[in-house]
Amino acid sequence: IMENTLLNKILGTNQLNVNSHHHQAIKQTAKTLNIVAKSECGIIEAIENKNKAFLMGVQWHPEDLIDNSSSFINLFAELITAAKNRKVNLRSEK
């Protein structure tokens, strides 16, 4: 996991064991997306968009790893917080 990324901040680490078993993977990203994690063999494992409050994609299944590490709970907690903040912001725009 690249340092100084949102994923790095949320998970609190720059290295993590995940449940990756791919038959498809990201080959190339859009210009607005940043690669923020790669596997040891170079497969893109996570992407972010710095221009958005919370736009992230992961190539593994964190929902299956919650019992293994509290780091994964942090990922879901951040998603919920971002969704709540977005809902509040949308209400105030009306």
PDB file of N, CA and C in Angstrom:
ATOM      1  N   ILE A   1       0.868  -1.178   0.000  1.00  0.00           N
ATOM      2  CA  ILE A   1       0.000   0.000   0.000  1.00  0.00           C
ATOM      3  C   ILE A   1       0.901   1.223   0.000  1.00  0.00           C
ATOM      4  N   MET A   2       0.646   2.139  -0.925  1.00  0.00           N
ATOM      5  CA  MET A   2       1.471   3.329  -1.037  1.00  0.00           C
ATOM      6  C   MET A   2       1.258   4.233   0.188  1.00  0.00           C
ATOM      7  N   GLU A   3       2.345   4.834   0.640  1.00  0.00           N
ATOM      8  CA  GLU A   3       2.258   5.750   1.778  1.00  0.00           C
ATOM      9  C   GLU A   3       1.532   7.032   1.373  1.00  0.00           C
ATOM     10  N   ASN A   4       0.970   7.708   2.370  1.00  0.00           N
ATOM     11  CA  ASN A   4       0.263   8.977   2.179  1.00  0.00           C
ATOM     12  C   ASN A   4      -0.953   8.856   1.258  1.00  0.00           C
ATOM     13  N   THR A   5      -1.601   7.705   1.285  1.00  0.00           N
ATOM     14  CA  THR A   5      -2.843   7.511   0.545  1.00  0.00           C
ATOM     15  C   THR A   5      -3.968   7.334   1.557  1.00  0.00           C
ATOM     16  N   LEU A   6      -5.188   7.504   1.102  1.00  0.00           N
ATOM     17  CA  LEU A   6      -6.325   7.314   1.993  1.00  0.00           C
ATOM     18  C   LEU A   6      -6.373   5.873   2.498  1.00  0.00           C
ATOM     19  N   LEU A   7      -6.113   4.920   1.633  1.00  0.00           N
ATOM     20  CA  LEU A   7      -6.117   3.515   2.048  1.00  0.00           C
ATOM     21  C   LEU A   7      -5.065   3.256   3.120  1.00  0.00           C
ATOM     22  N   ASN A   8      -3.898   3.827   2.948  1.00  0.00           N
ATOM     23  CA  ASN A   8      -2.823   3.713   3.940  1.00  0.00           C
ATOM     24  C   ASN A   8      -3.257   4.289   5.281  1.00  0.00           C
ATOM     25  N   LYS A   9      -3.912   5.435   5.238  1.00  0.00           N
ATOM     26  CA  LYS A   9      -4.394   6.087   6.456  1.00  0.00           C
ATOM     27  C   LYS A   9      -5.471   5.244   7.137  1.00  0.00           C
ATOM     28  N   ILE A  10      -6.417   4.740   6.370  1.00  0.00           N
ATOM     29  CA  ILE A  10      -7.523   3.961   6.927  1.00  0.00           C
ATOM     30  C   ILE A  10      -7.042   2.653   7.541  1.00  0.00           C
ATOM     31  N   LEU A  11      -6.185   1.946   6.813  1.00  0.00           N
ATOM     32  CA  LEU A  11      -5.731   0.639   7.280  1.00  0.00           C
ATOM     33  C   LEU A  11      -4.579   0.722   8.277  1.00  0.00           C
ATOM     34  N   GLY A  12      -3.881   1.857   8.286  1.00  0.00           N
ATOM     35  CA  GLY A  12      -2.797   2.049   9.249  1.00  0.00           C
ATOM     36  C   GLY A  12      -1.565   1.210   8.969  1.00  0.00           C
ATOM     37  N   THR A  13      -1.382   0.839   7.721  1.00  0.00           N
ATOM     38  CA  THR A  13      -0.231   0.012   7.374  1.00  0.00           C
ATOM     39  C   THR A  13       0.105   0.192   5.897  1.00  0.00           C
ATOM     40  N   ASN A  14       1.309  -0.241   5.515  1.00  0.00           N
ATOM     41  CA  ASN A  14       1.660  -0.200   4.100  1.00  0.00           C
ATOM     42  C   ASN A  14       1.835  -1.609   3.530  1.00  0.00           C
ATOM     43  N   GLN A  15       1.531  -2.617   4.356  1.00  0.00           N
ATOM     44  CA  GLN A  15       1.595  -3.988   3.873  1.00  0.00           C
ATOM     45  C   GLN A  15       0.505  -4.794   4.575  1.00  0.00           C
ATOM     46  N   LEU A  16      -0.169  -5.625   3.798  1.00  0.00           N
ATOM     47  CA  LEU A  16      -1.320  -6.340   4.320  1.00  0.00           C
ATOM     48  C   LEU A  16      -1.516  -7.631   3.538  1.00  0.00           C
ATOM     49  N   ASN A  17      -1.893  -8.681   4.229  1.00  0.00           N
ATOM     50  CA  ASN A  17      -2.255  -9.921   3.544  1.00  0.00           C
ATOM     51  C   ASN A  17      -3.742  -9.860   3.234  1.00  0.00           C
ATOM     52  N   VAL A  18      -4.076 -10.093   1.974  1.00  0.00           N
ATOM     53  CA  VAL A  18      -5.468 -10.054   1.546  1.00  0.00           C
ATOM     54  C   VAL A  18      -5.805 -11.334   0.782  1.00  0.00           C
ATOM     55  N   ASN A  19      -7.097 -11.520   0.553  1.00  0.00           N
ATOM     56  CA  ASN A  19      -7.578 -12.725  -0.129  1.00  0.00           C
ATOM     57  C   ASN A  19      -7.755 -12.456  -1.617  1.00  0.00           C
ATOM     58  N   SER A  20      -6.657 -12.324  -2.316  1.00  0.00           N
ATOM     59  CA  SER A  20      -6.700 -12.072  -3.759  1.00  0.00           C
ATOM     60  C   SER A  20      -6.568 -13.378  -4.516  1.00  0.00           C
ATOM     61  N   HIS A  21      -7.538 -13.640  -5.332  1.00  0.00           N
ATOM     62  CA  HIS A  21      -7.455 -14.742  -6.292  1.00  0.00           C
ATOM     63  C   HIS A  21      -8.178 -14.228  -7.527  1.00  0.00           C
ATOM     64  N   HIS A  22      -7.392 -13.834  -8.518  1.00  0.00           N
ATOM     65  CA  HIS A  22      -7.923 -13.107  -9.662  1.00  0.00           C
ATOM     66  C   HIS A  22      -8.067 -13.977 -10.896  1.00  0.00           C
ATOM     67  N   HIS A  23      -9.109 -13.705 -11.629  1.00  0.00           N
ATOM     68  CA  HIS A  23      -9.166 -14.156 -13.004  1.00  0.00           C
ATOM     69  C   HIS A  23      -9.272 -12.922 -13.910  1.00  0.00           C
ATOM     70  N   GLN A  24      -9.470 -11.760 -13.281  1.00  0.00           N
ATOM     71  CA  GLN A  24      -9.443 -10.481 -13.978  1.00  0.00           C
ATOM     72  C   GLN A  24      -8.731  -9.480 -13.076  1.00  0.00           C
ATOM     73  N   ALA A  25      -8.076  -8.507 -13.683  1.00  0.00           N
ATOM     74  CA  ALA A  25      -7.380  -7.485 -12.903  1.00  0.00           C
ATOM     75  C   ALA A  25      -7.319  -6.198 -13.716  1.00  0.00           C
ATOM     76  N   ILE A  26      -7.082  -5.113 -13.023  1.00  0.00           N
ATOM     77  CA  ILE A  26      -6.941  -3.817 -13.685  1.00  0.00           C
ATOM     78  C   ILE A  26      -5.618  -3.799 -14.444  1.00  0.00           C
ATOM     79  N   LYS A  27      -5.692  -3.468 -15.706  1.00  0.00           N
ATOM     80  CA  LYS A  27      -4.475  -3.356 -16.516  1.00  0.00           C
ATOM     81  C   LYS A  27      -4.023  -1.911 -16.595  1.00  0.00           C
ATOM     82  N   GLN A  28      -4.992  -1.006 -16.736  1.00  0.00           N
ATOM     83  CA  GLN A  28      -4.696   0.409 -16.919  1.00  0.00           C
ATOM     84  C   GLN A  28      -5.797   1.201 -16.230  1.00  0.00           C
ATOM     85  N   THR A  29      -5.434   2.324 -15.608  1.00  0.00           N
ATOM     86  CA  THR A  29      -6.423   3.143 -14.916  1.00  0.00           C
ATOM     87  C   THR A  29      -6.730   4.410 -15.710  1.00  0.00           C
ATOM     88  N   ALA A  30      -7.879   4.979 -15.427  1.00  0.00           N
ATOM     89  CA  ALA A  30      -8.217   6.285 -15.989  1.00  0.00           C
ATOM     90  C   ALA A  30      -7.268   7.323 -15.407  1.00  0.00           C
ATOM     91  N   LYS A  31      -7.129   8.449 -16.072  1.00  0.00           N
ATOM     92  CA  LYS A  31      -6.206   9.499 -15.618  1.00  0.00           C
ATOM     93  C   LYS A  31      -6.574  10.045 -14.249  1.00  0.00           C
ATOM     94  N   THR A  32      -7.846   9.971 -13.873  1.00  0.00           N
ATOM     95  CA  THR A  32      -8.291  10.510 -12.581  1.00  0.00           C
ATOM     96  C   THR A  32      -8.067   9.544 -11.425  1.00  0.00           C
ATOM     97  N   LEU A  33      -7.647   8.327 -11.730  1.00  0.00           N
ATOM     98  CA  LEU A  33      -7.441   7.328 -10.683  1.00  0.00           C
ATOM     99  C   LEU A  33      -5.962   7.107 -10.417  1.00  0.00           C
ATOM    100  N   ASN A  34      -5.655   6.877  -9.152  1.00  0.00           N
ATOM    101  CA  ASN A  34      -4.278   6.591  -8.744  1.00  0.00           C
ATOM    102  C   ASN A  34      -4.198   5.158  -8.239  1.00  0.00           C
ATOM    103  N   ILE A  35      -3.157   4.471  -8.622  1.00  0.00           N
ATOM    104  CA  ILE A  35      -2.884   3.144  -8.091  1.00  0.00           C
ATOM    105  C   ILE A  35      -2.313   3.338  -6.689  1.00  0.00           C
ATOM    106  N   VAL A  36      -2.933   2.694  -5.692  1.00  0.00           N
ATOM    107  CA  VAL A  36      -2.473   2.897  -4.319  1.00  0.00           C
ATOM    108  C   VAL A  36      -2.018   1.612  -3.641  1.00  0.00           C
ATOM    109  N   ALA A  37      -2.220   0.464  -4.295  1.00  0.00           N
ATOM    110  CA  ALA A  37      -1.722  -0.796  -3.741  1.00  0.00           C
ATOM    111  C   ALA A  37      -1.509  -1.793  -4.868  1.00  0.00           C
ATOM    112  N   LYS A  38      -0.441  -2.561  -4.725  1.00  0.00           N
ATOM    113  CA  LYS A  38      -0.130  -3.623  -5.677  1.00  0.00           C
ATOM    114  C   LYS A  38       0.278  -4.866  -4.907  1.00  0.00           C
ATOM    115  N   SER A  39       0.051  -6.007  -5.529  1.00  0.00           N
ATOM    116  CA  SER A  39       0.500  -7.269  -4.940  1.00  0.00           C
ATOM    117  C   SER A  39       1.997  -7.413  -5.171  1.00  0.00           C
ATOM    118  N   GLU A  40       2.579  -8.408  -4.528  1.00  0.00           N
ATOM    119  CA  GLU A  40       4.006  -8.660  -4.710  1.00  0.00           C
ATOM    120  C   GLU A  40       4.349  -8.966  -6.169  1.00  0.00           C
ATOM    121  N   CYS A  41       3.377  -9.508  -6.914  1.00  0.00           N
ATOM    122  CA  CYS A  41       3.639  -9.834  -8.327  1.00  0.00           C
ATOM    123  C   CYS A  41       3.229  -8.708  -9.265  1.00  0.00           C
ATOM    124  N   GLY A  42       2.833  -7.541  -8.697  1.00  0.00           N
ATOM    125  CA  GLY A  42       2.581  -6.363  -9.513  1.00  0.00           C
ATOM    126  C   GLY A  42       1.137  -6.130  -9.930  1.00  0.00           C
ATOM    127  N   ILE A  43       0.219  -6.974  -9.496  1.00  0.00           N
ATOM    128  CA  ILE A  43      -1.197  -6.776  -9.825  1.00  0.00           C
ATOM    129  C   ILE A  43      -1.739  -5.602  -9.016  1.00  0.00           C
ATOM    130  N   ILE A  44      -2.481  -4.730  -9.674  1.00  0.00           N
ATOM    131  CA  ILE A  44      -3.096  -3.588  -8.995  1.00  0.00           C
ATOM    132  C   ILE A  44      -4.167  -4.111  -8.051  1.00  0.00           C
ATOM    133  N   GLU A  45      -4.038  -3.780  -6.774  1.00  0.00           N
ATOM    134  CA  GLU A  45      -4.973  -4.252  -5.748  1.00  0.00           C
ATOM    135  C   GLU A  45      -5.924  -3.167  -5.272  1.00  0.00           C
ATOM    136  N   ALA A  46      -5.557  -1.889  -5.430  1.00  0.00           N
ATOM    137  CA  ALA A  46      -6.436  -0.815  -4.966  1.00  0.00           C
ATOM    138  C   ALA A  46      -6.173   0.460  -5.756  1.00  0.00           C
ATOM    139  N   ILE A  47      -7.261   1.229  -5.944  1.00  0.00           N
ATOM    140  CA  ILE A  47      -7.190   2.518  -6.633  1.00  0.00           C
ATOM    141  C   ILE A  47      -7.961   3.558  -5.834  1.00  0.00           C
ATOM    142  N   GLU A  48      -7.595   4.818  -6.036  1.00  0.00           N
ATOM    143  CA  GLU A  48      -8.277   5.947  -5.398  1.00  0.00           C
ATOM    144  C   GLU A  48      -8.367   7.093  -6.393  1.00  0.00           C
ATOM    145  N   ASN A  49      -9.271   8.001  -6.110  1.00  0.00           N
ATOM    146  CA  ASN A  49      -9.377   9.251  -6.851  1.00  0.00           C
ATOM    147  C   ASN A  49      -9.187  10.373  -5.843  1.00  0.00           C
ATOM    148  N   LYS A  50      -8.078  11.098  -5.931  1.00  0.00           N
ATOM    149  CA  LYS A  50      -7.779  12.174  -4.986  1.00  0.00           C
ATOM    150  C   LYS A  50      -8.741  13.345  -5.111  1.00  0.00           C
ATOM    151  N   ASN A  51      -9.435  13.460  -6.239  1.00  0.00           N
ATOM    152  CA  ASN A  51     -10.343  14.586  -6.449  1.00  0.00           C
ATOM    153  C   ASN A  51     -11.716  14.370  -5.826  1.00  0.00           C
ATOM    154  N   LYS A  52     -11.970  13.200  -5.298  1.00  0.00           N
ATOM    155  CA  LYS A  52     -13.259  12.882  -4.681  1.00  0.00           C
ATOM    156  C   LYS A  52     -13.044  12.632  -3.194  1.00  0.00           C
ATOM    157  N   ALA A  53     -14.056  12.939  -2.398  1.00  0.00           N
ATOM    158  CA  ALA A  53     -13.948  12.744  -0.947  1.00  0.00           C
ATOM    159  C   ALA A  53     -13.694  11.275  -0.600  1.00  0.00           C
ATOM    160  N   PHE A  54     -14.405  10.373  -1.260  1.00  0.00           N
ATOM    161  CA  PHE A  54     -14.202   8.950  -0.985  1.00  0.00           C
ATOM    162  C   PHE A  54     -14.566   8.160  -2.229  1.00  0.00           C
ATOM    163  N   LEU A  55     -13.576   7.910  -3.049  1.00  0.00           N
ATOM    164  CA  LEU A  55     -13.747   7.055  -4.216  1.00  0.00           C
ATOM    165  C   LEU A  55     -12.571   6.098  -4.216  1.00  0.00           C
ATOM    166  N   MET A  56     -12.870   4.851  -3.903  1.00  0.00           N
ATOM    167  CA  MET A  56     -11.813   3.855  -3.750  1.00  0.00           C
ATOM    168  C   MET A  56     -12.318   2.526  -4.281  1.00  0.00           C
ATOM    169  N   GLY A  57     -11.422   1.760  -4.848  1.00  0.00           N
ATOM    170  CA  GLY A  57     -11.743   0.407  -5.273  1.00  0.00           C
ATOM    171  C   GLY A  57     -10.670  -0.542  -4.790  1.00  0.00           C
ATOM    172  N   VAL A  58     -11.087  -1.693  -4.285  1.00  0.00           N
ATOM    173  CA  VAL A  58     -10.134  -2.723  -3.867  1.00  0.00           C
ATOM    174  C   VAL A  58     -10.431  -4.001  -4.637  1.00  0.00           C
ATOM    175  N   GLN A  59      -9.399  -4.755  -4.910  1.00  0.00           N
ATOM    176  CA  GLN A  59      -9.507  -5.950  -5.740  1.00  0.00           C
ATOM    177  C   GLN A  59      -9.699  -7.211  -4.895  1.00  0.00           C
ATOM    178  N   TRP A  60      -9.736  -7.063  -3.591  1.00  0.00           N
ATOM    179  CA  TRP A  60      -9.929  -8.220  -2.720  1.00  0.00           C
ATOM    180  C   TRP A  60     -11.297  -8.124  -2.048  1.00  0.00           C
ATOM    181  N   HIS A  61     -11.566  -9.029  -1.124  1.00  0.00           N
ATOM    182  CA  HIS A  61     -12.863  -9.085  -0.444  1.00  0.00           C
ATOM    183  C   HIS A  61     -12.685  -8.801   1.048  1.00  0.00           C
ATOM    184  N   PRO A  62     -12.668  -7.507   1.436  1.00  0.00           N
ATOM    185  CA  PRO A  62     -12.451  -7.170   2.848  1.00  0.00           C
ATOM    186  C   PRO A  62     -13.562  -7.681   3.765  1.00  0.00           C
ATOM    187  N   GLU A  63     -14.757  -7.871   3.230  1.00  0.00           N
ATOM    188  CA  GLU A  63     -15.865  -8.367   4.053  1.00  0.00           C
ATOM    189  C   GLU A  63     -15.591  -9.769   4.585  1.00  0.00           C
ATOM    190  N   ASP A  64     -14.756 -10.521   3.895  1.00  0.00           N
ATOM    191  CA  ASP A  64     -14.404 -11.873   4.342  1.00  0.00           C
ATOM    192  C   ASP A  64     -13.226 -11.885   5.310  1.00  0.00           C
ATOM    193  N   LEU A  65     -12.609 -10.730   5.527  1.00  0.00           N
ATOM    194  CA  LEU A  65     -11.396 -10.670   6.349  1.00  0.00           C
ATOM    195  C   LEU A  65     -11.590  -9.927   7.670  1.00  0.00           C
ATOM    196  N   ILE A  66     -12.802  -9.505   7.958  1.00  0.00           N
ATOM    197  CA  ILE A  66     -13.049  -8.711   9.171  1.00  0.00           C
ATOM    198  C   ILE A  66     -12.605  -9.445  10.430  1.00  0.00           C
ATOM    199  N   ASP A  67     -12.798 -10.749  10.481  1.00  0.00           N
ATOM    200  CA  ASP A  67     -12.402 -11.517  11.664  1.00  0.00           C
ATOM    201  C   ASP A  67     -10.887 -11.646  11.794  1.00  0.00           C
ATOM    202  N   ASN A  68     -10.148 -11.424  10.703  1.00  0.00           N
ATOM    203  CA  ASN A  68      -8.686 -11.565  10.707  1.00  0.00           C
ATOM    204  C   ASN A  68      -7.969 -10.313  11.188  1.00  0.00           C
ATOM    205  N   SER A  69      -8.571  -9.134  10.947  1.00  0.00           N
ATOM    206  CA  SER A  69      -7.884  -7.893  11.285  1.00  0.00           C
ATOM    207  C   SER A  69      -8.893  -6.758  11.443  1.00  0.00           C
ATOM    208  N   SER A  70      -8.704  -5.958  12.478  1.00  0.00           N
ATOM    209  CA  SER A  70      -9.591  -4.805  12.679  1.00  0.00           C
ATOM    210  C   SER A  70      -9.374  -3.750  11.597  1.00  0.00           C
ATOM    211  N   SER A  71      -8.283  -3.825  10.871  1.00  0.00           N
ATOM    212  CA  SER A  71      -8.022  -2.877   9.781  1.00  0.00           C
ATOM    213  C   SER A  71      -9.162  -2.875   8.771  1.00  0.00           C
ATOM    214  N   PHE A  72      -9.718  -4.043   8.520  1.00  0.00           N
ATOM    215  CA  PHE A  72     -10.785  -4.142   7.534  1.00  0.00           C
ATOM    216  C   PHE A  72     -12.083  -3.520   8.038  1.00  0.00           C
ATOM    217  N   ILE A  73     -12.308  -3.589   9.322  1.00  0.00           N
ATOM    218  CA  ILE A  73     -13.467  -2.908   9.912  1.00  0.00           C
ATOM    219  C   ILE A  73     -13.315  -1.405   9.698  1.00  0.00           C
ATOM    220  N   ASN A  74     -12.100  -0.897   9.826  1.00  0.00           N
ATOM    221  CA  ASN A  74     -11.837   0.528   9.596  1.00  0.00           C
ATOM    222  C   ASN A  74     -12.224   0.948   8.184  1.00  0.00           C
ATOM    223  N   LEU A  75     -11.997   0.078   7.214  1.00  0.00           N
ATOM    224  CA  LEU A  75     -12.342   0.378   5.830  1.00  0.00           C
ATOM    225  C   LEU A  75     -13.854   0.562   5.680  1.00  0.00           C
ATOM    226  N   PHE A  76     -14.632  -0.325   6.276  1.00  0.00           N
ATOM    227  CA  PHE A  76     -16.091  -0.206   6.211  1.00  0.00           C
ATOM    228  C   PHE A  76     -16.596   0.983   7.021  1.00  0.00           C
ATOM    229  N   ALA A  77     -15.971   1.238   8.165  1.00  0.00           N
ATOM    230  CA  ALA A  77     -16.363   2.393   8.981  1.00  0.00           C
ATOM    231  C   ALA A  77     -16.151   3.695   8.213  1.00  0.00           C
ATOM    232  N   GLU A  78     -15.058   3.789   7.484  1.00  0.00           N
ATOM    233  CA  GLU A  78     -14.776   4.991   6.687  1.00  0.00           C
ATOM    234  C   GLU A  78     -15.784   5.142   5.549  1.00  0.00           C
ATOM    235  N   LEU A  79     -16.158   4.036   4.936  1.00  0.00           N
ATOM    236  CA  LEU A  79     -17.182   4.075   3.885  1.00  0.00           C
ATOM    237  C   LEU A  79     -18.510   4.589   4.443  1.00  0.00           C
ATOM    238  N   ILE A  80     -18.902   4.105   5.605  1.00  0.00           N
ATOM    239  CA  ILE A  80     -20.154   4.542   6.234  1.00  0.00           C
ATOM    240  C   ILE A  80     -20.093   6.025   6.592  1.00  0.00           C
ATOM    241  N   THR A  81     -18.974   6.460   7.139  1.00  0.00           N
ATOM    242  CA  THR A  81     -18.805   7.880   7.486  1.00  0.00           C
ATOM    243  C   THR A  81     -18.896   8.746   6.232  1.00  0.00           C
ATOM    244  N   ALA A  82     -18.243   8.336   5.163  1.00  0.00           N
ATOM    245  CA  ALA A  82     -18.286   9.107   3.911  1.00  0.00           C
ATOM    246  C   ALA A  82     -19.707   9.167   3.369  1.00  0.00           C
ATOM    247  N   ALA A  83     -20.437   8.076   3.459  1.00  0.00           N
ATOM    248  CA  ALA A  83     -21.820   8.065   2.977  1.00  0.00           C
ATOM    249  C   ALA A  83     -22.702   8.991   3.821  1.00  0.00           C
ATOM    250  N   LYS A  84     -22.522   8.961   5.135  1.00  0.00           N
ATOM    251  CA  LYS A  84     -23.293   9.852   6.008  1.00  0.00           C
ATOM    252  C   LYS A  84     -22.981  11.310   5.703  1.00  0.00           C
ATOM    253  N   ASN A  85     -21.717  11.634   5.525  1.00  0.00           N
ATOM    254  CA  ASN A  85     -21.317  13.013   5.218  1.00  0.00           C
ATOM    255  C   ASN A  85     -21.896  13.458   3.880  1.00  0.00           C
ATOM    256  N   ARG A  86     -21.904  12.574   2.919  1.00  0.00           N
ATOM    257  CA  ARG A  86     -22.475  12.909   1.610  1.00  0.00           C
ATOM    258  C   ARG A  86     -23.970  13.171   1.717  1.00  0.00           C
ATOM    259  N   LYS A  87     -24.650  12.380   2.517  1.00  0.00           N
ATOM    260  CA  LYS A  87     -26.091  12.545   2.704  1.00  0.00           C
ATOM    261  C   LYS A  87     -26.381  13.905   3.344  1.00  0.00           C
ATOM    262  N   VAL A  88     -25.592  14.278   4.349  1.00  0.00           N
ATOM    263  CA  VAL A  88     -25.765  15.574   5.011  1.00  0.00           C
ATOM    264  C   VAL A  88     -25.507  16.699   4.016  1.00  0.00           C
ATOM    265  N   ASN A  89     -24.463  16.580   3.216  1.00  0.00           N
ATOM    266  CA  ASN A  89     -24.136  17.608   2.231  1.00  0.00           C
ATOM    267  C   ASN A  89     -25.232  17.746   1.165  1.00  0.00           C
ATOM    268  N   LEU A  90     -25.795  16.629   0.746  1.00  0.00           N
ATOM    269  CA  LEU A  90     -26.869  16.691  -0.250  1.00  0.00           C
ATOM    270  C   LEU A  90     -28.114  17.370   0.320  1.00  0.00           C
ATOM    271  N   ARG A  91     -28.405  17.118   1.585  1.00  0.00           N
ATOM    272  CA  ARG A  91     -29.556  17.775   2.223  1.00  0.00           C
ATOM    273  C   ARG A  91     -29.368  19.285   2.315  1.00  0.00           C
ATOM    274  N   SER A  92     -28.151  19.721   2.622  1.00  0.00           N
ATOM    275  CA  SER A  92     -27.895  21.142   2.784  1.00  0.00           C
ATOM    276  C   SER A  92     -27.894  21.883   1.446  1.00  0.00           C
ATOM    277  N   GLU A  93     -27.703  21.169   0.334  1.00  0.00           N
ATOM    278  CA  GLU A  93     -27.708  21.778  -0.988  1.00  0.00           C
ATOM    279  C   GLU A  93     -29.121  22.073  -1.485  1.00  0.00           C
ATOM    280  N   LYS A  94     -30.127  21.447  -0.903  1.00  0.00           N
ATOM    281  CA  LYS A  94     -31.510  21.628  -1.364  1.00  0.00           C
ATOM    282  C   LYS A  94     -32.082  22.951  -0.969  1.00  0.00           C
TER     283      LYS A  94
END
